[in-house]
C-alpha atoms as a PDB file:
ATOM      1  CA  MET A   1      11.574   0.066 -11.536  1.00  0.00           C
ATOM      2  CA  ARG A   2       8.105  -1.240 -11.120  1.00  0.00           C
ATOM      3  CA  TYR A   3       5.149   1.193 -10.758  1.00  0.00           C
ATOM      4  CA  SER A   4       1.939   0.420  -9.102  1.00  0.00           C
ATOM      5  CA  ILE A   5      -1.406   2.031  -7.964  1.00  0.00           C
ATOM      6  CA  PHE A   6      -2.527   2.481  -4.474  1.00  0.00           C
ATOM      7  CA  SER A   7      -6.068   3.487  -3.769  1.00  0.00           C
ATOM      8  CA  VAL A   8      -7.077   4.471  -0.340  1.00  0.00           C
ATOM      9  CA  GLN A   9     -10.783   4.871  -1.118  1.00  0.00           C
ATOM     10  CA  ASP A  10     -11.278   8.060   1.094  1.00  0.00           C
ATOM     11  CA  HIS A  11     -14.955   9.018   1.090  1.00  0.00           C
ATOM     12  CA  HIS A  12     -16.420  12.385   1.811  1.00  0.00           C
ATOM     13  CA  PRO A  13     -20.064  11.989   2.747  1.00  0.00           C
ATOM     14  CA  SER A  14     -20.973  15.884   2.566  1.00  0.00           C
ATOM     15  CA  LEU A  15     -19.907  16.032  -0.968  1.00  0.00           C
ATOM     16  CA  HIS A  16     -21.593  14.612  -4.295  1.00  0.00           C
ATOM     17  CA  ARG A  17     -20.067  11.082  -4.776  1.00  0.00           C
ATOM     18  CA  SER A  18     -21.648   8.014  -3.033  1.00  0.00           C
ATOM     19  CA  VAL A  19     -19.487   5.158  -1.789  1.00  0.00           C
ATOM     20  CA  ALA A  20     -21.128   3.125  -4.683  1.00  0.00           C
ATOM     21  CA  GLN A  21     -19.863   5.619  -7.189  1.00  0.00           C
ATOM     22  CA  LEU A  22     -16.480   5.506  -5.591  1.00  0.00           C
ATOM     23  CA  TYR A  23     -16.316   1.802  -5.970  1.00  0.00           C
ATOM     24  CA  GLU A  24     -17.079   2.080  -9.660  1.00  0.00           C
ATOM     25  CA  GLN A  25     -14.284   4.802 -10.114  1.00  0.00           C
ATOM     26  CA  VAL A  26     -11.765   2.480  -8.337  1.00  0.00           C
ATOM     27  CA  ILE A  27     -12.729  -0.395 -10.576  1.00  0.00           C
ATOM     28  CA  ALA A  28     -12.364   1.864 -13.716  1.00  0.00           C
ATOM     29  CA  GLU A  29      -8.871   2.829 -12.388  1.00  0.00           C
ATOM     30  CA  ALA A  30      -7.827  -0.683 -12.045  1.00  0.00           C
ATOM     31  CA  LYS A  31      -8.695  -1.653 -15.440  1.00  0.00           C
ATOM     32  CA  LEU A  32      -7.011   1.440 -16.786  1.00  0.00           C
ATOM     33  CA  ALA A  33      -3.871   0.680 -14.801  1.00  0.00           C
ATOM     34  CA  GLU A  34      -3.669  -2.805 -16.342  1.00  0.00           C
ATOM     35  CA  SER A  35      -4.120  -1.343 -19.811  1.00  0.00           C
ATOM     36  CA  LEU A  36      -1.419   1.038 -19.205  1.00  0.00           C
ATOM     37  CA  GLY A  37       0.934  -1.568 -17.868  1.00  0.00           C
ATOM     38  CA  TYR A  38       1.120  -0.749 -14.273  1.00  0.00           C
ATOM     39  CA  ASP A  39       2.539  -3.505 -11.979  1.00  0.00           C
ATOM     40  CA  THR A  40      -0.041  -3.937  -9.081  1.00  0.00           C
ATOM     41  CA  PHE A  41      -3.250  -2.312  -8.206  1.00  0.00           C
ATOM     42  CA  PHE A  42      -3.370  -2.004  -4.328  1.00  0.00           C
ATOM     43  CA  VAL A  43      -6.476  -1.077  -2.042  1.00  0.00           C
ATOM     44  CA  ALA A  44      -6.467  -0.193   1.536  1.00  0.00           C
ATOM     45  CA  GLU A  45      -8.478  -1.346   4.606  1.00  0.00           C
ATOM     46  CA  HIS A  46     -10.249   0.943   6.935  1.00  0.00           C
ATOM     47  CA  HIS A  47     -13.050   0.855   9.339  1.00  0.00           C
ATOM     48  CA  PHE A  48     -15.787   3.202  10.812  1.00  0.00           C
ATOM     49  CA  HIS A  49     -14.578   6.506   9.362  1.00  0.00           C
ATOM     50  CA  GLU A  50     -14.618   8.372   6.047  1.00  0.00           C
ATOM     51  CA  CYS A  51     -10.861   8.227   5.773  1.00  0.00           C
ATOM     52  CA  GLY A  52     -11.396   4.897   4.139  1.00  0.00           C
ATOM     53  CA  SER A  53     -14.467   2.906   2.679  1.00  0.00           C
ATOM     54  CA  VAL A  54     -13.216  -0.603   2.011  1.00  0.00           C
ATOM     55  CA  PRO A  55     -13.604  -2.525   5.347  1.00  0.00           C
ATOM     56  CA  ASN A  56     -12.839  -5.895   3.622  1.00  0.00           C
ATOM     57  CA  PRO A  57     -10.335  -5.507   0.807  1.00  0.00           C
ATOM     58  CA  ALA A  58     -10.386  -9.206   0.049  1.00  0.00           C
ATOM     59  CA  VAL A  59     -14.063  -8.747  -1.172  1.00  0.00           C
ATOM     60  CA  PHE A  60     -12.907  -5.753  -3.355  1.00  0.00           C
ATOM     61  CA  LEU A  61      -9.965  -7.586  -4.702  1.00  0.00           C
ATOM     62  CA  ALA A  62     -12.065 -10.530  -5.473  1.00  0.00           C
ATOM     63  CA  ALA A  63     -14.355  -8.167  -7.544  1.00  0.00           C
ATOM     64  CA  LEU A  64     -11.299  -6.688  -9.318  1.00  0.00           C
ATOM     65  CA  ALA A  65     -10.006 -10.272 -10.030  1.00  0.00           C
ATOM     66  CA  ARG A  66     -12.975 -10.825 -12.288  1.00  0.00           C
ATOM     67  CA  GLU A  67     -12.451  -7.430 -14.083  1.00  0.00           C
ATOM     68  CA  THR A  68      -8.858  -7.905 -14.891  1.00  0.00           C
ATOM     69  CA  THR A  69      -6.507 -10.460 -16.164  1.00  0.00           C
ATOM     70  CA  LYS A  70      -2.864  -9.426 -15.944  1.00  0.00           C
ATOM     71  CA  ILE A  71      -2.174  -6.768 -13.306  1.00  0.00           C
ATOM     72  CA  ARG A  72      -1.316  -7.989  -9.763  1.00  0.00           C
ATOM     73  CA  LEU A  73      -3.824  -7.216  -6.950  1.00  0.00           C
ATOM     74  CA  GLY A  74      -2.786  -6.166  -3.483  1.00  0.00           C
ATOM     75  CA  VAL A  75      -3.876  -4.950  -0.079  1.00  0.00           C
ATOM     76  CA  ALA A  76      -1.945  -2.174   1.501  1.00  0.00           C
ATOM     77  CA  VAL A  77      -2.627  -3.242   4.353  1.00  0.00           C
ATOM     78  CA  SER A  78      -4.681  -5.874   5.980  1.00  0.00           C
ATOM     79  CA  ASN A  79      -4.840  -4.800   9.661  1.00  0.00           C
ATOM     80  CA  ILE A  80      -4.313  -8.435  10.960  1.00  0.00           C
ATOM     81  CA  THR A  81      -4.275  -7.294  14.533  1.00  0.00           C
ATOM     82  CA  ILE A  82      -8.107  -6.784  14.782  1.00  0.00           C
ATOM     83  CA  HIS A  83      -8.946  -9.954  12.944  1.00  0.00           C
ATOM     84  CA  ASN A  84      -8.977 -13.607  13.265  1.00  0.00           C
ATOM     85  CA  PRO A  85      -5.716 -14.581  11.475  1.00  0.00           C
ATOM     86  CA  LEU A  86      -7.273 -17.790   9.998  1.00  0.00           C
ATOM     87  CA  THR A  87      -9.916 -15.724   8.476  1.00  0.00           C
ATOM     88  CA  ILE A  88      -7.338 -13.456   6.918  1.00  0.00           C
ATOM     89  CA  ALA A  89      -5.579 -16.444   5.534  1.00  0.00           C
ATOM     90  CA  GLU A  90      -8.877 -17.926   4.072  1.00  0.00           C
ATOM     91  CA  ASP A  91      -9.937 -14.783   2.502  1.00  0.00           C
ATOM     92  CA  TYR A  92      -6.577 -14.090   0.848  1.00  0.00           C
ATOM     93  CA  ALA A  93      -6.156 -17.577  -0.248  1.00  0.00           C
ATOM     94  CA  MET A  94      -9.338 -17.291  -2.025  1.00  0.00           C
ATOM     95  CA  VAL A  95      -8.375 -13.912  -3.728  1.00  0.00           C
ATOM     96  CA  ASP A  96      -5.192 -15.567  -4.824  1.00  0.00           C
ATOM     97  CA  MET A  97      -7.053 -18.371  -6.358  1.00  0.00           C
ATOM     98  CA  LEU A  98      -9.733 -16.194  -8.021  1.00  0.00           C
ATOM     99  CA  SER A  99      -7.075 -13.987  -9.424  1.00  0.00           C
ATOM    100  CA  GLY A 100      -4.885 -16.789 -10.944  1.00  0.00           C
ATOM    101  CA  GLY A 101      -2.192 -16.137  -8.498  1.00  0.00           C
ATOM    102  CA  ARG A 102      -1.830 -12.482  -8.682  1.00  0.00           C
ATOM    103  CA  LEU A 103      -2.186 -11.332  -5.108  1.00  0.00           C
ATOM    104  CA  THR A 104       0.486  -9.274  -2.936  1.00  0.00           C
ATOM    105  CA  LEU A 105      -0.468  -9.418   0.705  1.00  0.00           C
ATOM    106  CA  GLY A 106       0.360  -6.373   2.741  1.00  0.00           C
ATOM    107  CA  VAL A 107       0.026  -6.525   6.432  1.00  0.00           C
ATOM    108  CA  GLY A 108       0.054  -4.043   9.338  1.00  0.00           C
ATOM    109  CA  SER A 109      -0.652  -3.611  13.090  1.00  0.00           C
ATOM    110  CA  GLY A 110      -3.093  -0.669  12.737  1.00  0.00           C
ATOM    111  CA  TYR A 111      -2.712   2.840  14.015  1.00  0.00           C
ATOM    112  CA  LEU A 112      -6.275   4.271  14.172  1.00  0.00           C
ATOM    113  CA  ARG A 113      -7.468   4.154  17.728  1.00  0.00           C
ATOM    114  CA  HIS A 114     -11.194   4.134  16.583  1.00  0.00           C
ATOM    115  CA  GLU A 115     -10.629   0.890  14.629  1.00  0.00           C
ATOM    116  CA  PHE A 116      -9.209  -0.819  17.750  1.00  0.00           C
ATOM    117  CA  GLU A 117     -12.168   0.551  19.939  1.00  0.00           C
ATOM    118  CA  GLY A 118     -14.834  -0.646  17.344  1.00  0.00           C
ATOM    119  CA  HIS A 119     -13.364  -4.142  17.172  1.00  0.00           C
ATOM    120  CA  ARG A 120     -12.873  -4.409  20.958  1.00  0.00           C
ATOM    121  CA  VAL A 121      -9.165  -4.830  20.692  1.00  0.00           C
ATOM    122  CA  SER A 122      -6.595  -2.853  23.190  1.00  0.00           C
ATOM    123  CA  PRO A 123      -4.148  -0.689  21.141  1.00  0.00           C
ATOM    124  CA  GLU A 124      -1.620  -1.636  23.868  1.00  0.00           C
ATOM    125  CA  GLU A 125      -1.838  -5.191  22.836  1.00  0.00           C
ATOM    126  CA  LYS A 126      -1.388  -4.465  19.047  1.00  0.00           C
ATOM    127  CA  ARG A 127       2.417  -5.392  18.921  1.00  0.00           C
ATOM    128  CA  GLU A 128       2.099  -8.808  20.391  1.00  0.00           C
ATOM    129  CA  ARG A 129      -1.144  -9.496  18.517  1.00  0.00           C
ATOM    130  CA  PHE A 130       0.300  -8.630  15.268  1.00  0.00           C
ATOM    131  CA  ASP A 131       3.450 -10.753  15.745  1.00  0.00           C
ATOM    132  CA  GLU A 132       1.380 -13.808  16.802  1.00  0.00           C
ATOM    133  CA  ASN A 133      -1.240 -13.295  14.139  1.00  0.00           C
ATOM    134  CA  LEU A 134       1.455 -12.903  11.311  1.00  0.00           C
ATOM    135  CA  GLN A 135       3.047 -16.120  12.286  1.00  0.00           C
ATOM    136  CA  VAL A 136      -0.327 -17.829  12.077  1.00  0.00           C
ATOM    137  CA  VAL A 137      -1.130 -16.187   8.678  1.00  0.00           C
ATOM    138  CA  VAL A 138       2.115 -17.149   7.107  1.00  0.00           C
ATOM    139  CA  GLN A 139       1.833 -20.681   8.428  1.00  0.00           C
ATOM    140  CA  ALA A 140      -1.552 -21.142   7.117  1.00  0.00           C
ATOM    141  CA  LEU A 141      -1.076 -19.857   3.726  1.00  0.00           C
ATOM    142  CA  THR A 142       1.476 -22.724   3.277  1.00  0.00           C
ATOM    143  CA  GLY A 143      -1.310 -24.990   3.263  1.00  0.00           C
ATOM    144  CA  GLU A 144       0.144 -27.084   6.033  1.00  0.00           C
ATOM    145  CA  PRO A 145      -1.677 -27.767   9.416  1.00  0.00           C
ATOM    146  CA  VAL A 146      -1.138 -25.070  11.818  1.00  0.00           C
ATOM    147  CA  HIS A 147       0.069 -26.079  15.238  1.00  0.00           C
ATOM    148  CA  PHE A 148       0.196 -22.780  17.278  1.00  0.00           C
ATOM    149  CA  GLN A 149      -0.120 -22.019  20.932  1.00  0.00           C
ATOM    150  CA  GLY A 150       0.394 -18.238  21.987  1.00  0.00           C
ATOM    151  CA  LYS A 151      -1.225 -15.696  24.165  1.00  0.00           C
ATOM    152  CA  TYR A 152      -4.009 -15.070  21.699  1.00  0.00           C
ATOM    153  CA  ASN A 153      -4.124 -18.067  19.482  1.00  0.00           C
ATOM    154  CA  ASP A 154      -4.249 -21.763  20.413  1.00  0.00           C
ATOM    155  CA  LEU A 155      -4.539 -23.851  17.027  1.00  0.00           C
ATOM    156  CA  PRO A 156      -4.367 -27.689  17.205  1.00  0.00           C
ATOM    157  CA  GLY A 157      -3.343 -28.438  13.783  1.00  0.00           C
ATOM    158  CA  VAL A 158      -6.095 -26.715  11.765  1.00  0.00           C
ATOM    159  CA  ALA A 159      -5.510 -26.349   7.825  1.00  0.00           C
ATOM    160  CA  LEU A 160      -6.964 -24.317   5.295  1.00  0.00           C
ATOM    161  CA  ASN A 161      -9.299 -26.167   2.869  1.00  0.00           C
ATOM    162  CA  VAL A 162      -8.691 -23.393   0.234  1.00  0.00           C
ATOM    163  CA  GLN A 163      -4.940 -22.683  -0.516  1.00  0.00           C
ATOM    164  CA  PRO A 164      -3.362 -19.787  -2.529  1.00  0.00           C
ATOM    165  CA  LEU A 165      -1.980 -20.680  -5.832  1.00  0.00           C
ATOM    166  CA  GLN A 166       1.276 -19.103  -5.169  1.00  0.00           C
ATOM    167  CA  LYS A 167       1.821 -20.778  -1.607  1.00  0.00           C
ATOM    168  CA  ASP A 168       5.431 -20.279  -0.738  1.00  0.00           C
ATOM    169  CA  ARG A 169       5.672 -17.630  -3.510  1.00  0.00           C
ATOM    170  CA  LEU A 170       3.093 -15.513  -2.109  1.00  0.00           C
ATOM    171  CA  PRO A 171       4.610 -11.855  -1.528  1.00  0.00           C
ATOM    172  CA  ILE A 172       4.029 -10.658   1.958  1.00  0.00           C
ATOM    173  CA  HIS A 173       5.069  -7.079   2.885  1.00  0.00           C
ATOM    174  CA  VAL A 174       4.979  -5.574   6.351  1.00  0.00           C
ATOM    175  CA  ALA A 175       3.866  -1.871   6.730  1.00  0.00           C
ATOM    176  CA  ILE A 176       6.064   0.396   8.854  1.00  0.00           C
ATOM    177  CA  GLN A 177       5.039   3.675  10.354  1.00  0.00           C
ATOM    178  CA  ARG A 178       8.450   4.503  11.928  1.00  0.00           C
ATOM    179  CA  ARG A 179      11.969   4.766  10.377  1.00  0.00           C
ATOM    180  CA  GLU A 180      13.468   2.591  13.069  1.00  0.00           C
ATOM    181  CA  ALA A 181      11.045  -0.188  12.369  1.00  0.00           C
ATOM    182  CA  ALA A 182      12.671  -0.586   8.847  1.00  0.00           C
ATOM    183  CA  TYR A 183      15.771  -2.383  10.483  1.00  0.00           C
ATOM    184  CA  HIS A 184      13.624  -4.615  12.711  1.00  0.00           C
ATOM    185  CA  VAL A 185      11.346  -5.810  10.076  1.00  0.00           C
ATOM    186  CA  GLY A 186      14.389  -6.346   7.704  1.00  0.00           C
ATOM    187  CA  ARG A 187      15.958  -8.404  10.509  1.00  0.00           C
ATOM    188  CA  GLN A 188      13.157 -10.712  10.333  1.00  0.00           C
ATOM    189  CA  GLY A 189      13.794 -11.404   6.639  1.00  0.00           C
ATOM    190  CA  ARG A 190      10.496  -9.651   5.502  1.00  0.00           C
ATOM    191  CA  ASN A 191       9.585  -7.140   2.865  1.00  0.00           C
ATOM    192  CA  ILE A 192       8.245  -3.729   3.756  1.00  0.00           C
ATOM    193  CA  PHE A 193       5.715  -1.053   2.738  1.00  0.00           C
ATOM    194  CA  SER A 194       6.112   2.511   3.766  1.00  0.00           C
ATOM    195  CA  LEU A 195       4.347   5.898   3.122  1.00  0.00           C
ATOM    196  CA  PRO A 196       7.324   8.246   3.625  1.00  0.00           C
ATOM    197  CA  TYR A 197       5.231  11.383   4.325  1.00  0.00           C
ATOM    198  CA  SER A 198       3.804   9.688   7.348  1.00  0.00           C
ATOM    199  CA  CYS A 199       7.032   8.805   9.101  1.00  0.00           C
ATOM    200  CA  LEU A 200       9.721  11.138   7.596  1.00  0.00           C
ATOM    201  CA  THR A 201      10.240  14.868   7.246  1.00  0.00           C
ATOM    202  CA  SER A 202      12.411  15.002   3.911  1.00  0.00           C
ATOM    203  CA  PHE A 203      13.021  13.121   0.816  1.00  0.00           C
ATOM    204  CA  GLU A 204      16.753  12.717   1.745  1.00  0.00           C
ATOM    205  CA  GLU A 205      15.639  10.643   4.848  1.00  0.00           C
ATOM    206  CA  ILE A 206      14.191   7.999   2.689  1.00  0.00           C
ATOM    207  CA  ARG A 207      17.834   7.043   1.892  1.00  0.00           C
ATOM    208  CA  GLY A 208      18.518   6.329   5.655  1.00  0.00           C
ATOM    209  CA  LEU A 209      15.225   4.311   5.855  1.00  0.00           C
ATOM    210  CA  VAL A 210      16.268   1.986   3.003  1.00  0.00           C
ATOM    211  CA  GLU A 211      19.687   1.761   4.207  1.00  0.00           C
ATOM    212  CA  ASP A 212      18.441   0.586   7.690  1.00  0.00           C
ATOM    213  CA  TYR A 213      16.145  -1.905   5.992  1.00  0.00           C
ATOM    214  CA  ARG A 214      18.808  -3.343   3.802  1.00  0.00           C
ATOM    215  CA  LYS A 215      21.211  -3.753   6.705  1.00  0.00           C
ATOM    216  CA  GLY A 216      18.568  -5.630   8.754  1.00  0.00           C
ATOM    217  CA  TYR A 217      17.640  -7.874   5.796  1.00  0.00           C
ATOM    218  CA  ARG A 218      21.209  -8.708   5.170  1.00  0.00           C
ATOM    219  CA  GLU A 219      21.677  -9.675   8.791  1.00  0.00           C
ATOM    220  CA  SER A 220      18.566 -11.785   8.659  1.00  0.00           C
ATOM    221  CA  GLY A 221      20.371 -14.256   6.310  1.00  0.00           C
ATOM    222  CA  ALA A 222      17.216 -14.384   3.999  1.00  0.00           C
ATOM    223  CA  PRO A 223      17.895 -14.803   0.227  1.00  0.00           C
ATOM    224  CA  GLY A 224      18.066 -11.756  -1.973  1.00  0.00           C
ATOM    225  CA  GLU A 225      17.907  -8.269  -0.827  1.00  0.00           C
ATOM    226  CA  GLY A 226      14.229  -8.006   0.240  1.00  0.00           C
ATOM    227  CA  SER A 227      11.668  -5.516  -1.079  1.00  0.00           C
ATOM    228  CA  ALA A 228      10.909  -2.099   0.101  1.00  0.00           C
ATOM    229  CA  VAL A 229       7.888  -0.679  -1.722  1.00  0.00           C
ATOM    230  CA  LEU A 230       7.352   3.133  -1.184  1.00  0.00           C
ATOM    231  CA  ALA A 231       4.004   4.917  -1.598  1.00  0.00           C
ATOM    232  CA  PHE A 232       3.674   8.562  -2.621  1.00  0.00           C
ATOM    233  CA  HIS A 233       0.698  10.734  -3.413  1.00  0.00           C
ATOM    234  CA  CYS A 234       0.916  11.833  -6.947  1.00  0.00           C
ATOM    235  CA  HIS A 235      -0.510  13.989  -9.598  1.00  0.00           C
ATOM    236  CA  VAL A 236       1.356  14.711 -12.964  1.00  0.00           C
ATOM    237  CA  ALA A 237       0.347  17.534 -15.166  1.00  0.00           C
ATOM    238  CA  GLU A 238       1.942  19.745 -18.071  1.00  0.00           C
ATOM    239  CA  THR A 239       3.578  21.939 -15.301  1.00  0.00           C
ATOM    240  CA  ASP A 240       4.205  22.289 -11.662  1.00  0.00           C
ATOM    241  CA  GLU A 241       1.817  25.061 -11.458  1.00  0.00           C
ATOM    242  CA  GLN A 242      -1.075  23.104 -13.193  1.00  0.00           C
ATOM    243  CA  ALA A 243      -0.408  20.056 -11.056  1.00  0.00           C
ATOM    244  CA  LYS A 244      -0.937  22.370  -7.944  1.00  0.00           C
ATOM    245  CA  LEU A 245      -4.040  23.886  -9.600  1.00  0.00           C
ATOM    246  CA  ASN A 246      -5.570  20.463 -10.209  1.00  0.00           C
ATOM    247  CA  ALA A 247      -4.638  18.622  -7.097  1.00  0.00           C
ATOM    248  CA  GLU A 248      -4.069  21.111  -4.142  1.00  0.00           C
ATOM    249  CA  GLN A 249      -7.789  21.464  -3.019  1.00  0.00           C
ATOM    250  CA  ALA A 250      -8.464  17.649  -3.171  1.00  0.00           C
ATOM    251  CA  PHE A 251      -5.217  16.864  -1.363  1.00  0.00           C
ATOM    252  CA  ASN A 252      -5.818  19.207   1.355  1.00  0.00           C
ATOM    253  CA  LEU A 253      -9.336  17.765   1.722  1.00  0.00           C
ATOM    254  CA  TYR A 254      -7.776  14.235   1.905  1.00  0.00           C
ATOM    255  CA  LEU A 255      -5.266  15.518   4.510  1.00  0.00           C
ATOM    256  CA  ASP A 256      -7.984  16.990   6.695  1.00  0.00           C
ATOM    257  CA  THR A 257      -9.559  13.464   7.237  1.00  0.00           C
ATOM    258  CA  ARG A 258      -6.208  11.904   8.261  1.00  0.00           C
ATOM    259  CA  LEU A 259      -6.405  11.111  12.004  1.00  0.00           C
ATOM    260  CA  PHE A 260      -2.780  10.286  12.873  1.00  0.00           C
ATOM    261  CA  TYR A 261      -0.844  13.347  12.445  1.00  0.00           C
ATOM    262  CA  ASP A 262       0.778  15.423  15.255  1.00  0.00           C
ATOM    263  CA  THR A 263       1.098  18.535  13.164  1.00  0.00           C
ATOM    264  CA  ARG A 264      -1.098  19.890  10.362  1.00  0.00           C
ATOM    265  CA  ARG A 265       0.193  19.027   6.807  1.00  0.00           C
ATOM    266  CA  THR A 266      -0.792  20.716   3.578  1.00  0.00           C
ATOM    267  CA  TYR A 267      -0.173  20.328  -0.211  1.00  0.00           C
ATOM    268  CA  ASP A 268       2.613  22.849   0.250  1.00  0.00           C
ATOM    269  CA  THR A 269       4.325  21.194   3.165  1.00  0.00           C
ATOM    270  CA  VAL A 270       4.333  17.719   1.592  1.00  0.00           C
ATOM    271  CA  VAL A 271       5.554  19.064  -1.703  1.00  0.00           C
ATOM    272  CA  SER A 272       8.282  21.194  -0.341  1.00  0.00           C
ATOM    273  CA  ALA A 273       9.627  18.235   1.799  1.00  0.00           C
ATOM    274  CA  GLY A 274       9.798  16.314  -1.271  1.00  0.00           C
ATOM    275  CA  LEU A 275       7.368  13.470   0.144  1.00  0.00           C
ATOM    276  CA  GLY A 276       4.562  13.898  -2.547  1.00  0.00           C
ATOM    277  CA  MET A 277       4.982  13.476  -6.278  1.00  0.00           C
ATOM    278  CA  PHE A 278       3.086  16.609  -7.677  1.00  0.00           C
ATOM    279  CA  GLY A 279       4.253  18.441 -10.786  1.00  0.00           C
ATOM    280  CA  SER A 280       5.525  18.091 -14.305  1.00  0.00           C
ATOM    281  CA  LEU A 281       7.051  15.121 -16.143  1.00  0.00           C
ATOM    282  CA  ARG A 282      10.384  16.544 -15.312  1.00  0.00           C
ATOM    283  CA  THR A 283       9.846  17.135 -11.531  1.00  0.00           C
ATOM    284  CA  VAL A 284       8.263  13.649 -10.950  1.00  0.00           C
ATOM    285  CA  ALA A 285      10.856  11.879 -12.964  1.00  0.00           C
ATOM    286  CA  ASP A 286      13.597  13.689 -11.043  1.00  0.00           C
ATOM    287  CA  GLN A 287      12.228  12.284  -7.769  1.00  0.00           C
ATOM    288  CA  LEU A 288      11.927   8.769  -9.148  1.00  0.00           C
ATOM    289  CA  VAL A 289      15.535   8.804 -10.501  1.00  0.00           C
ATOM    290  CA  GLY A 290      16.582   9.866  -6.945  1.00  0.00           C
ATOM    291  CA  LEU A 291      14.731   6.850  -5.445  1.00  0.00           C
ATOM    292  CA  SER A 292      16.305   4.539  -8.088  1.00  0.00           C
ATOM    293  CA  GLU A 293      19.628   5.807  -6.797  1.00  0.00           C
ATOM    294  CA  MET A 294      18.690   5.048  -3.364  1.00  0.00           C
ATOM    295  CA  GLY A 295      17.896   1.402  -4.234  1.00  0.00           C
ATOM    296  CA  ILE A 296      14.269   1.729  -4.533  1.00  0.00           C
ATOM    297  CA  ASP A 297      12.776  -0.356  -7.483  1.00  0.00           C
ATOM    298  CA  HIS A 298       9.045  -0.384  -6.719  1.00  0.00           C
ATOM    299  CA  VAL A 299       6.770   2.659  -6.186  1.00  0.00           C
ATOM    300  CA  MET A 300       3.024   3.018  -5.556  1.00  0.00           C
ATOM    301  CA  PHE A 301       1.201   6.158  -6.700  1.00  0.00           C
ATOM    302  CA  LEU A 302      -1.925   7.210  -4.827  1.00  0.00           C
ATOM    303  CA  GLN A 303      -3.696   9.396  -7.311  1.00  0.00           C
ATOM    304  CA  ASN A 304      -7.442   9.065  -6.419  1.00  0.00           C
ATOM    305  CA  PHE A 305      -7.902  11.279  -3.282  1.00  0.00           C
ATOM    306  CA  GLY A 306     -10.289  13.906  -1.968  1.00  0.00           C
ATOM    307  CA  VAL A 307     -12.974  13.338  -4.682  1.00  0.00           C
ATOM    308  CA  LEU A 308     -10.326  14.573  -7.413  1.00  0.00           C
ATOM    309  CA  ASP A 309     -12.082  14.506 -10.690  1.00  0.00           C
ATOM    310  CA  SER A 310     -11.855  10.976 -12.461  1.00  0.00           C
ATOM    311  CA  LYS A 311     -10.787  12.683 -15.757  1.00  0.00           C
ATOM    312  CA  LEU A 312      -7.798  14.295 -13.756  1.00  0.00           C
ATOM    313  CA  VAL A 313      -6.964  11.005 -12.233  1.00  0.00           C
ATOM    314  CA  HIS A 314      -6.905   9.182 -15.503  1.00  0.00           C
ATOM    315  CA  ASP A 315      -4.926  11.908 -17.127  1.00  0.00           C
ATOM    316  CA  SER A 316      -2.257  11.525 -14.750  1.00  0.00           C
ATOM    317  CA  MET A 317      -2.152   7.826 -14.925  1.00  0.00           C
ATOM    318  CA  HIS A 318      -1.622   8.254 -18.616  1.00  0.00           C
ATOM    319  CA  ARG A 319       1.159  10.813 -18.172  1.00  0.00           C
ATOM    320  CA  ILE A 320       3.151   8.542 -15.799  1.00  0.00           C
ATOM    321  CA  ALA A 321       2.878   5.418 -18.054  1.00  0.00           C
ATOM    322  CA  ASN A 322       3.306   7.229 -21.196  1.00  0.00           C
ATOM    323  CA  GLU A 323       5.805   9.946 -20.277  1.00  0.00           C
ATOM    324  CA  VAL A 324       7.234   9.475 -16.816  1.00  0.00           C
ATOM    325  CA  MET A 325       8.194   5.690 -17.035  1.00  0.00           C
ATOM    326  CA  PRO A 326       9.986   6.145 -20.482  1.00  0.00           C
ATOM    327  CA  GLU A 327      11.940   9.136 -19.132  1.00  0.00           C
ATOM    328  CA  VAL A 328      12.960   7.193 -15.961  1.00  0.00           C
ATOM    329  CA  LEU A 329      14.196   4.388 -18.030  1.00  0.00           C
ATOM    330  CA  ARG A 330      16.049   6.605 -20.362  1.00  0.00           C
ATOM    331  CA  ARG A 331      17.898   8.119 -17.435  1.00  0.00           C
ATOM    332  CA  THR A 332      18.552   5.112 -15.269  1.00  0.00           C
ATOM    333  CA  GLY A 333      18.545   2.121 -17.706  1.00  0.00           C
ATOM    334  CA  LYS A 334      16.214   0.335 -15.376  1.00  0.00           C
ATOM    335  CA  ALA A 335      13.197  -1.092 -16.861  1.00  0.00           C
END
């Protein structure tokens, strides 16, 4: 089992923390994650709203590359629909080089209307634009000239002058927002990211999502089994009650700024559905063992949300590394 940290960088301008202070907190969390042995530190991309305060993750990851030496660095995810795909390829090729080949690239088609409107891109075009732009990004990152003619891109053999160190080994994951997308992305032979509470209603539904993905991936004929990385909001404390006391208010504040839900969600509804990892060592370990039994071997924890106090974030990161990870290893035998 691999364990990573995912920071969305939600900002709340009416409260006491500035964006600059948030950035410093996230940098400190990345350094702590490295010292504790987490696999990857992921950051999100968002525009024009307090739900996310990093519009260019490549810039942030380049900063993290100079503050760390071992931990992998990732974006979850780059909205390649609203950007020039060659710019995306150039930016992340530089990140891979500056980090010594530690980049994991997550890509998505976007889901927030205001981000499409702000970039003057029609949401109705997003699927076609995403498919085209992803082809360009993947080809460009090989370092070979890109000959491509499509509806939105016409490239006569352009090649990047800065190439990633990983080249053909660079991990690329596609974010999915619907369960049915798992099969189709798997069928393309690609890896996936998913945030289960955004597209499922119960913990047990994760099993079906994973099975659909594996089925599609097998049918693709691609080597291996593919990779399905799942993300969960998380806070670990001494007891379930203490975890709720620590995190409920901050998580509900975070949920209040989400712009894509049809129904109101709260700490209680997410926890009762099993789609958040809040609680004691035993509670969170039970969920991770359940995921392992479903075939999941990589989990991302979202722990800094809603201006949660940095000490509480750090304490939870320590508990996962020092208590939860060893317990899951003991019970599953999977390092």
